C-alpha atoms as a PDB file:
ATOM      1  CA  UNK A   1     -10.345  31.430  -6.190  1.00  0.00           C
ATOM      2  CA  UNK A   2      -9.550  28.919  -9.230  1.00  0.00           C
ATOM      3  CA  UNK A   3      -5.961  28.058  -8.062  1.00  0.00           C
ATOM      4  CA  UNK A   4      -7.047  26.823  -4.462  1.00  0.00           C
ATOM      5  CA  UNK A   5     -10.129  24.767  -5.931  1.00  0.00           C
ATOM      6  CA  UNK A   6      -7.396  23.427  -8.198  1.00  0.00           C
ATOM      7  CA  UNK A   7      -4.750  23.191  -6.092  1.00  0.00           C
ATOM      8  CA  UNK A   8      -7.320  21.013  -3.521  1.00  0.00           C
ATOM      9  CA  UNK A   9      -7.917  18.932  -6.626  1.00  0.00           C
ATOM     10  CA  UNK A  10      -4.353  18.176  -7.584  1.00  0.00           C
ATOM     11  CA  UNK A  11      -3.937  16.935  -3.625  1.00  0.00           C
ATOM     12  CA  UNK A  12      -7.145  14.967  -3.415  1.00  0.00           C
ATOM     13  CA  UNK A  13      -5.489  13.591  -6.919  1.00  0.00           C
ATOM     14  CA  UNK A  14      -2.136  12.822  -5.062  1.00  0.00           C
ATOM     15  CA  UNK A  15      -3.446  10.899  -1.951  1.00  0.00           C
ATOM     16  CA  UNK A  16      -5.840   8.935  -3.602  1.00  0.00           C
ATOM     17  CA  UNK A  17      -3.279   7.779  -6.042  1.00  0.00           C
ATOM     18  CA  UNK A  18      -1.139   6.729  -2.734  1.00  0.00           C
ATOM     19  CA  UNK A  19      -3.794   4.216  -1.276  1.00  0.00           C
ATOM     20  CA  UNK A  20      -2.445   1.367  -3.558  1.00  0.00           C
ATOM     21  CA  UNK A  21       0.466   1.750  -2.555  1.00  0.00           C
ATOM     22  CA  UNK A  22      -0.413   1.829   1.357  1.00  0.00           C
ATOM     23  CA  UNK A  23      -2.649  -1.605   0.266  1.00  0.00           C
ATOM     24  CA  UNK A  24       0.510  -3.356  -1.055  1.00  0.00           C
ATOM     25  CA  UNK A  25       2.965  -2.132   1.668  1.00  0.00           C
ATOM     26  CA  UNK A  26       0.446  -3.803   4.440  1.00  0.00           C
ATOM     27  CA  UNK A  27       0.083  -6.823   2.588  1.00  0.00           C
ATOM     28  CA  UNK A  28       3.417  -7.030   2.427  1.00  0.00           C
ATOM     29  CA  UNK A  29       3.587  -6.891   6.620  1.00  0.00           C
ATOM     30  CA  UNK A  30       1.385 -10.024   6.475  1.00  0.00           C
ATOM     31  CA  UNK A  31       3.226 -11.881   4.032  1.00  0.00           C
ATOM     32  CA  UNK A  32       4.135 -15.733   5.530  1.00  0.00           C
ATOM     33  CA  UNK A  33       7.144 -16.913   6.787  1.00  0.00           C
ATOM     34  CA  UNK A  34       9.021 -19.305   4.509  1.00  0.00           C
ATOM     35  CA  UNK A  35      10.821 -22.484   6.869  1.00  0.00           C
ATOM     36  CA  UNK A  36      12.758 -24.820   5.588  1.00  0.00           C
ATOM     37  CA  UNK A  37      11.854 -27.330   3.230  1.00  0.00           C
ATOM     38  CA  UNK A  38       9.769 -24.716   0.762  1.00  0.00           C
ATOM     39  CA  UNK A  39       6.302 -24.216   2.834  1.00  0.00           C
ATOM     40  CA  UNK A  40       4.561 -21.323   3.807  1.00  0.00           C
ATOM     41  CA  UNK A  41       3.757 -20.491   7.188  1.00  0.00           C
ATOM     42  CA  UNK A  42       4.385 -24.013   8.453  1.00  0.00           C
ATOM     43  CA  UNK A  43       7.335 -24.058  11.343  1.00  0.00           C
ATOM     44  CA  UNK A  44       8.551 -27.606  10.917  1.00  0.00           C
END
């Protein structure tokens, strides 16, 4: 029983350690587009 609890805690720790990485990936997908003139999000 102790091994099962330990493995469950380690699994949860690994899942929660991925949460910040998923947030960075999501914000990178919403990055503004770089167009001519060096402006962000402005289409010339």
